[in-house]
Amino acid sequence: MNISSAIVYARPGTDAVLRERLTQVQGVEVHAASEDGKIIVTIEAENDRAAIDVYEAVGRIDAVTEQLYAITT
C-alpha cells in the first residue's frame, strides 16, 4: 500500500470544478482547499507504479497548474 499527499494548485476560478474532478479520480481524497486555489489531497494506491499513475492522472486535469508531492509508503 502506498499512501501519499499532495498540494494541487487550481487555475484561477476553477477550484470548485477541480475539487469535484479530483474526487472522481480513484484513490484521491480531497481534505482541504484554500481561497487561493490550493487543494490538499491524499492518494492511496496499491504500489508505487499505481501511485505514479494517479499523480499523472491528476496532472492531466485541465484545471491543474502544479502539484507538490509528499510521498510516503
PDB file of N, CA and C in Angstrom:
ATOM      1  N   MET A   1       0.847  -1.179   0.000  1.00  0.00           N
ATOM      2  CA  MET A   1       0.000   0.000   0.000  1.00  0.00           C
ATOM      3  C   MET A   1       0.884   1.231   0.000  1.00  0.00           C
ATOM      4  N   ASN A   2       0.565   2.176  -0.849  1.00  0.00           N
ATOM      5  CA  ASN A   2       1.272   3.445  -0.935  1.00  0.00           C
ATOM      6  C   ASN A   2       0.283   4.543  -0.573  1.00  0.00           C
ATOM      7  N   ILE A   3       0.626   5.337   0.439  1.00  0.00           N
ATOM      8  CA  ILE A   3      -0.201   6.482   0.835  1.00  0.00           C
ATOM      9  C   ILE A   3       0.674   7.716   0.735  1.00  0.00           C
ATOM     10  N   SER A   4       0.200   8.707   0.016  1.00  0.00           N
ATOM     11  CA  SER A   4       0.964   9.937  -0.144  1.00  0.00           C
ATOM     12  C   SER A   4       0.004  11.117  -0.154  1.00  0.00           C
ATOM     13  N   SER A   5       0.576  12.302  -0.104  1.00  0.00           N
ATOM     14  CA  SER A   5      -0.257  13.500  -0.128  1.00  0.00           C
ATOM     15  C   SER A   5       0.321  14.477  -1.140  1.00  0.00           C
ATOM     16  N   ALA A   6      -0.509  15.427  -1.505  1.00  0.00           N
ATOM     17  CA  ALA A   6      -0.083  16.436  -2.478  1.00  0.00           C
ATOM     18  C   ALA A   6      -0.864  17.715  -2.262  1.00  0.00           C
ATOM     19  N   ILE A   7      -0.257  18.800  -2.674  1.00  0.00           N
ATOM     20  CA  ILE A   7      -0.967  20.071  -2.809  1.00  0.00           C
ATOM     21  C   ILE A   7      -1.145  20.273  -4.303  1.00  0.00           C
ATOM     22  N   VAL A   8      -2.381  20.409  -4.714  1.00  0.00           N
ATOM     23  CA  VAL A   8      -2.712  20.596  -6.117  1.00  0.00           C
ATOM     24  C   VAL A   8      -3.154  22.049  -6.283  1.00  0.00           C
ATOM     25  N   TYR A   9      -2.569  22.737  -7.241  1.00  0.00           N
ATOM     26  CA  TYR A   9      -2.886  24.143  -7.480  1.00  0.00           C
ATOM     27  C   TYR A   9      -3.867  24.253  -8.637  1.00  0.00           C
ATOM     28  N   ALA A  10      -4.974  24.960  -8.387  1.00  0.00           N
ATOM     29  CA  ALA A  10      -6.009  25.147  -9.405  1.00  0.00           C
ATOM     30  C   ALA A  10      -5.758  26.425 -10.207  1.00  0.00           C
ATOM     31  N   ARG A  11      -6.114  26.375 -11.470  1.00  0.00           N
ATOM     32  CA  ARG A  11      -6.098  27.601 -12.274  1.00  0.00           C
ATOM     33  C   ARG A  11      -7.105  28.574 -11.652  1.00  0.00           C
ATOM     34  N   PRO A  12      -6.844  29.857 -11.741  1.00  0.00           N
ATOM     35  CA  PRO A  12      -7.768  30.842 -11.149  1.00  0.00           C
ATOM     36  C   PRO A  12      -9.209  30.623 -11.605  1.00  0.00           C
ATOM     37  N   GLY A  13     -10.116  30.606 -10.643  1.00  0.00           N
ATOM     38  CA  GLY A  13     -11.536  30.462 -10.925  1.00  0.00           C
ATOM     39  C   GLY A  13     -12.021  29.054 -11.167  1.00  0.00           C
ATOM     40  N   THR A  14     -11.129  28.056 -11.040  1.00  0.00           N
ATOM     41  CA  THR A  14     -11.536  26.672 -11.326  1.00  0.00           C
ATOM     42  C   THR A  14     -11.475  25.770 -10.102  1.00  0.00           C
ATOM     43  N   ASP A  15     -11.249  26.321  -8.916  1.00  0.00           N
ATOM     44  CA  ASP A  15     -11.025  25.471  -7.747  1.00  0.00           C
ATOM     45  C   ASP A  15     -12.218  24.578  -7.416  1.00  0.00           C
ATOM     46  N   ALA A  16     -13.444  25.067  -7.522  1.00  0.00           N
ATOM     47  CA  ALA A  16     -14.610  24.230  -7.215  1.00  0.00           C
ATOM     48  C   ALA A  16     -14.733  23.081  -8.222  1.00  0.00           C
ATOM     49  N   VAL A  17     -14.522  23.388  -9.490  1.00  0.00           N
ATOM     50  CA  VAL A  17     -14.568  22.354 -10.529  1.00  0.00           C
ATOM     51  C   VAL A  17     -13.459  21.336 -10.309  1.00  0.00           C
ATOM     52  N   LEU A  18     -12.270  21.806  -9.970  1.00  0.00           N
ATOM     53  CA  LEU A  18     -11.152  20.899  -9.759  1.00  0.00           C
ATOM     54  C   LEU A  18     -11.398  19.994  -8.560  1.00  0.00           C
ATOM     55  N   ARG A  19     -11.919  20.526  -7.483  1.00  0.00           N
ATOM     56  CA  ARG A  19     -12.229  19.683  -6.316  1.00  0.00           C
ATOM     57  C   ARG A  19     -13.164  18.550  -6.714  1.00  0.00           C
ATOM     58  N   GLU A  20     -14.177  18.863  -7.491  1.00  0.00           N
ATOM     59  CA  GLU A  20     -15.124  17.842  -7.933  1.00  0.00           C
ATOM     60  C   GLU A  20     -14.439  16.806  -8.831  1.00  0.00           C
ATOM     61  N   ARG A  21     -13.621  17.254  -9.753  1.00  0.00           N
ATOM     62  CA  ARG A  21     -12.937  16.319 -10.662  1.00  0.00           C
ATOM     63  C   ARG A  21     -11.944  15.442  -9.911  1.00  0.00           C
ATOM     64  N   LEU A  22     -11.286  15.999  -8.889  1.00  0.00           N
ATOM     65  CA  LEU A  22     -10.345  15.199  -8.100  1.00  0.00           C
ATOM     66  C   LEU A  22     -11.045  14.054  -7.387  1.00  0.00           C
ATOM     67  N   THR A  23     -12.262  14.282  -6.919  1.00  0.00           N
ATOM     68  CA  THR A  23     -12.991  13.210  -6.225  1.00  0.00           C
ATOM     69  C   THR A  23     -13.363  12.076  -7.169  1.00  0.00           C
ATOM     70  N   GLN A  24     -13.312  12.318  -8.459  1.00  0.00           N
ATOM     71  CA  GLN A  24     -13.634  11.289  -9.443  1.00  0.00           C
ATOM     72  C   GLN A  24     -12.431  10.415  -9.809  1.00  0.00           C
ATOM     73  N   VAL A  25     -11.243  10.807  -9.362  1.00  0.00           N
ATOM     74  CA  VAL A  25     -10.041  10.018  -9.633  1.00  0.00           C
ATOM     75  C   VAL A  25      -9.912   8.964  -8.533  1.00  0.00           C
ATOM     76  N   GLN A  26      -9.866   7.700  -8.935  1.00  0.00           N
ATOM     77  CA  GLN A  26      -9.792   6.613  -7.966  1.00  0.00           C
ATOM     78  C   GLN A  26      -8.541   6.742  -7.101  1.00  0.00           C
ATOM     79  N   GLY A  27      -8.730   6.661  -5.780  1.00  0.00           N
ATOM     80  CA  GLY A  27      -7.622   6.722  -4.846  1.00  0.00           C
ATOM     81  C   GLY A  27      -7.345   8.116  -4.306  1.00  0.00           C
ATOM     82  N   VAL A  28      -8.032   9.136  -4.824  1.00  0.00           N
ATOM     83  CA  VAL A  28      -7.810  10.511  -4.389  1.00  0.00           C
ATOM     84  C   VAL A  28      -8.904  10.931  -3.416  1.00  0.00           C
ATOM     85  N   GLU A  29      -8.484  11.535  -2.310  1.00  0.00           N
ATOM     86  CA  GLU A  29      -9.420  12.106  -1.354  1.00  0.00           C
ATOM     87  C   GLU A  29      -9.023  13.552  -1.097  1.00  0.00           C
ATOM     88  N   VAL A  30      -9.984  14.460  -1.245  1.00  0.00           N
ATOM     89  CA  VAL A  30      -9.744  15.877  -1.003  1.00  0.00           C
ATOM     90  C   VAL A  30      -9.969  16.162   0.479  1.00  0.00           C
ATOM     91  N   HIS A  31      -8.991  16.838   1.104  1.00  0.00           N
ATOM     92  CA  HIS A  31      -9.093  17.117   2.537  1.00  0.00           C
ATOM     93  C   HIS A  31      -9.329  18.579   2.853  1.00  0.00           C
ATOM     94  N   ALA A  32      -8.791  19.478   2.077  1.00  0.00           N
ATOM     95  CA  ALA A  32      -8.938  20.904   2.356  1.00  0.00           C
ATOM     96  C   ALA A  32      -8.650  21.692   1.093  1.00  0.00           C
ATOM     97  N   ALA A  33      -9.163  22.919   1.085  1.00  0.00           N
ATOM     98  CA  ALA A  33      -8.901  23.829  -0.030  1.00  0.00           C
ATOM     99  C   ALA A  33      -8.839  25.247   0.513  1.00  0.00           C
ATOM    100  N   SER A  34      -7.951  26.033  -0.056  1.00  0.00           N
ATOM    101  CA  SER A  34      -7.821  27.428   0.350  1.00  0.00           C
ATOM    102  C   SER A  34      -8.456  28.321  -0.701  1.00  0.00           C
ATOM    103  N   GLU A  35      -8.692  29.560  -0.322  1.00  0.00           N
ATOM    104  CA  GLU A  35      -9.315  30.505  -1.244  1.00  0.00           C
ATOM    105  C   GLU A  35      -8.433  30.843  -2.440  1.00  0.00           C
ATOM    106  N   ASP A  36      -7.117  30.610  -2.305  1.00  0.00           N
ATOM    107  CA  ASP A  36      -6.214  30.938  -3.415  1.00  0.00           C
ATOM    108  C   ASP A  36      -5.956  29.755  -4.351  1.00  0.00           C
ATOM    109  N   GLY A  37      -6.775  28.694  -4.258  1.00  0.00           N
ATOM    110  CA  GLY A  37      -6.705  27.598  -5.216  1.00  0.00           C
ATOM    111  C   GLY A  37      -5.799  26.444  -4.857  1.00  0.00           C
ATOM    112  N   LYS A  38      -5.322  26.383  -3.616  1.00  0.00           N
ATOM    113  CA  LYS A  38      -4.511  25.241  -3.181  1.00  0.00           C
ATOM    114  C   LYS A  38      -5.446  24.182  -2.598  1.00  0.00           C
ATOM    115  N   ILE A  39      -5.305  22.954  -3.079  1.00  0.00           N
ATOM    116  CA  ILE A  39      -6.156  21.854  -2.640  1.00  0.00           C
ATOM    117  C   ILE A  39      -5.262  20.745  -2.097  1.00  0.00           C
ATOM    118  N   ILE A  40      -5.530  20.317  -0.876  1.00  0.00           N
ATOM    119  CA  ILE A  40      -4.738  19.255  -0.248  1.00  0.00           C
ATOM    120  C   ILE A  40      -5.468  17.937  -0.437  1.00  0.00           C
ATOM    121  N   VAL A  41      -4.732  16.947  -0.969  1.00  0.00           N
ATOM    122  CA  VAL A  41      -5.310  15.628  -1.228  1.00  0.00           C
ATOM    123  C   VAL A  41      -4.399  14.540  -0.670  1.00  0.00           C
ATOM    124  N   THR A  42      -4.997  13.382  -0.420  1.00  0.00           N
ATOM    125  CA  THR A  42      -4.207  12.180  -0.194  1.00  0.00           C
ATOM    126  C   THR A  42      -4.492  11.227  -1.346  1.00  0.00           C
ATOM    127  N   ILE A  43      -3.495  10.396  -1.596  1.00  0.00           N
ATOM    128  CA  ILE A  43      -3.604   9.405  -2.659  1.00  0.00           C
ATOM    129  C   ILE A  43      -3.253   8.048  -2.072  1.00  0.00           C
ATOM    130  N   GLU A  44      -4.148   7.092  -2.249  1.00  0.00           N
ATOM    131  CA  GLU A  44      -3.895   5.724  -1.827  1.00  0.00           C
ATOM    132  C   GLU A  44      -3.829   4.849  -3.064  1.00  0.00           C
ATOM    133  N   ALA A  45      -2.767   4.045  -3.148  1.00  0.00           N
ATOM    134  CA  ALA A  45      -2.584   3.153  -4.290  1.00  0.00           C
ATOM    135  C   ALA A  45      -1.942   1.853  -3.813  1.00  0.00           C
ATOM    136  N   GLU A  46      -2.075   0.826  -4.605  1.00  0.00           N
ATOM    137  CA  GLU A  46      -1.537  -0.484  -4.234  1.00  0.00           C
ATOM    138  C   GLU A  46      -0.016  -0.516  -4.176  1.00  0.00           C
ATOM    139  N   ASN A  47       0.638   0.258  -5.055  1.00  0.00           N
ATOM    140  CA  ASN A  47       2.100   0.241  -5.111  1.00  0.00           C
ATOM    141  C   ASN A  47       2.596   1.564  -5.708  1.00  0.00           C
ATOM    142  N   ASP A  48       3.897   1.696  -5.809  1.00  0.00           N
ATOM    143  CA  ASP A  48       4.483   2.935  -6.311  1.00  0.00           C
ATOM    144  C   ASP A  48       4.040   3.244  -7.740  1.00  0.00           C
ATOM    145  N   ARG A  49       4.008   2.234  -8.613  1.00  0.00           N
ATOM    146  CA  ARG A  49       3.608   2.445 -10.012  1.00  0.00           C
ATOM    147  C   ARG A  49       2.175   2.952 -10.083  1.00  0.00           C
ATOM    148  N   ALA A  50       1.301   2.378  -9.291  1.00  0.00           N
ATOM    149  CA  ALA A  50      -0.096   2.809  -9.284  1.00  0.00           C
ATOM    150  C   ALA A  50      -0.216   4.242  -8.756  1.00  0.00           C
ATOM    151  N   ALA A  51       0.593   4.608  -7.773  1.00  0.00           N
ATOM    152  CA  ALA A  51       0.580   5.970  -7.240  1.00  0.00           C
ATOM    153  C   ALA A  51       1.035   6.958  -8.313  1.00  0.00           C
ATOM    154  N   ILE A  52       2.068   6.601  -9.051  1.00  0.00           N
ATOM    155  CA  ILE A  52       2.544   7.460 -10.142  1.00  0.00           C
ATOM    156  C   ILE A  52       1.441   7.642 -11.180  1.00  0.00           C
ATOM    157  N   ASP A  53       0.719   6.568 -11.479  1.00  0.00           N
ATOM    158  CA  ASP A  53      -0.383   6.661 -12.438  1.00  0.00           C
ATOM    159  C   ASP A  53      -1.446   7.650 -11.959  1.00  0.00           C
ATOM    160  N   VAL A  54      -1.737   7.632 -10.652  1.00  0.00           N
ATOM    161  CA  VAL A  54      -2.733   8.562 -10.105  1.00  0.00           C
ATOM    162  C   VAL A  54      -2.216   9.990 -10.199  1.00  0.00           C
ATOM    163  N   TYR A  55      -0.954  10.218  -9.816  1.00  0.00           N
ATOM    164  CA  TYR A  55      -0.378  11.568  -9.924  1.00  0.00           C
ATOM    165  C   TYR A  55      -0.422  12.071 -11.366  1.00  0.00           C
ATOM    166  N   GLU A  56      -0.131  11.202 -12.309  1.00  0.00           N
ATOM    167  CA  GLU A  56      -0.184  11.603 -13.707  1.00  0.00           C
ATOM    168  C   GLU A  56      -1.611  11.926 -14.134  1.00  0.00           C
ATOM    169  N   ALA A  57      -2.586  11.153 -13.655  1.00  0.00           N
ATOM    170  CA  ALA A  57      -3.991  11.414 -13.979  1.00  0.00           C
ATOM    171  C   ALA A  57      -4.421  12.771 -13.424  1.00  0.00           C
ATOM    172  N   VAL A  58      -3.997  13.079 -12.213  1.00  0.00           N
ATOM    173  CA  VAL A  58      -4.319  14.378 -11.617  1.00  0.00           C
ATOM    174  C   VAL A  58      -3.685  15.496 -12.445  1.00  0.00           C
ATOM    175  N   GLY A  59      -2.450  15.315 -12.843  1.00  0.00           N
ATOM    176  CA  GLY A  59      -1.753  16.329 -13.626  1.00  0.00           C
ATOM    177  C   GLY A  59      -2.371  16.598 -14.986  1.00  0.00           C
ATOM    178  N   ARG A  60      -3.109  15.617 -15.517  1.00  0.00           N
ATOM    179  CA  ARG A  60      -3.761  15.785 -16.823  1.00  0.00           C
ATOM    180  C   ARG A  60      -5.076  16.551 -16.744  1.00  0.00           C
ATOM    181  N   ILE A  61      -5.587  16.804 -15.553  1.00  0.00           N
ATOM    182  CA  ILE A  61      -6.827  17.564 -15.415  1.00  0.00           C
ATOM    183  C   ILE A  61      -6.547  19.013 -15.820  1.00  0.00           C
ATOM    184  N   ASP A  62      -7.364  19.540 -16.711  1.00  0.00           N
ATOM    185  CA  ASP A  62      -7.128  20.878 -17.276  1.00  0.00           C
ATOM    186  C   ASP A  62      -6.982  21.974 -16.233  1.00  0.00           C
ATOM    187  N   ALA A  63      -7.694  21.882 -15.134  1.00  0.00           N
ATOM    188  CA  ALA A  63      -7.696  22.954 -14.130  1.00  0.00           C
ATOM    189  C   ALA A  63      -6.442  22.956 -13.255  1.00  0.00           C
ATOM    190  N   VAL A  64      -5.583  21.946 -13.372  1.00  0.00           N
ATOM    191  CA  VAL A  64      -4.382  21.852 -12.539  1.00  0.00           C
ATOM    192  C   VAL A  64      -3.252  22.674 -13.154  1.00  0.00           C
ATOM    193  N   THR A  65      -2.614  23.510 -12.322  1.00  0.00           N
ATOM    194  CA  THR A  65      -1.457  24.255 -12.805  1.00  0.00           C
ATOM    195  C   THR A  65      -0.159  23.653 -12.281  1.00  0.00           C
ATOM    196  N   GLU A  66      -0.211  23.018 -11.103  1.00  0.00           N
ATOM    197  CA  GLU A  66       1.010  22.493 -10.487  1.00  0.00           C
ATOM    198  C   GLU A  66       0.626  21.521  -9.383  1.00  0.00           C
ATOM    199  N   GLN A  67       1.540  20.574  -9.072  1.00  0.00           N
ATOM    200  CA  GLN A  67       1.358  19.650  -7.954  1.00  0.00           C
ATOM    201  C   GLN A  67       2.658  19.610  -7.150  1.00  0.00           C
ATOM    202  N   LEU A  68       2.523  19.572  -5.840  1.00  0.00           N
ATOM    203  CA  LEU A  68       3.666  19.341  -4.953  1.00  0.00           C
ATOM    204  C   LEU A  68       3.384  18.068  -4.192  1.00  0.00           C
ATOM    205  N   TYR A  69       4.355  17.161  -4.125  1.00  0.00           N
ATOM    206  CA  TYR A  69       4.148  15.849  -3.543  1.00  0.00           C
ATOM    207  C   TYR A  69       4.849  15.680  -2.206  1.00  0.00           C
ATOM    208  N   ALA A  70       4.228  14.913  -1.357  1.00  0.00           N
ATOM    209  CA  ALA A  70       4.862  14.406  -0.133  1.00  0.00           C
ATOM    210  C   ALA A  70       4.585  12.915  -0.143  1.00  0.00           C
ATOM    211  N   ILE A  71       5.548  12.139  -0.583  1.00  0.00           N
ATOM    212  CA  ILE A  71       5.334  10.716  -0.808  1.00  0.00           C
ATOM    213  C   ILE A  71       5.799   9.912   0.406  1.00  0.00           C
ATOM    214  N   THR A  72       4.921   9.022   0.855  1.00  0.00           N
ATOM    215  CA  THR A  72       5.259   8.082   1.915  1.00  0.00           C
ATOM    216  C   THR A  72       4.784   6.715   1.486  1.00  0.00           C
ATOM    217  N   THR A  73       5.375   5.695   2.034  1.00  0.00           N
ATOM    218  CA  THR A  73       4.931   4.350   1.669  1.00  0.00           C
ATOM    219  C   THR A  73       4.586   3.566   2.894  1.00  0.00           C
TER     220      THR A  73
END
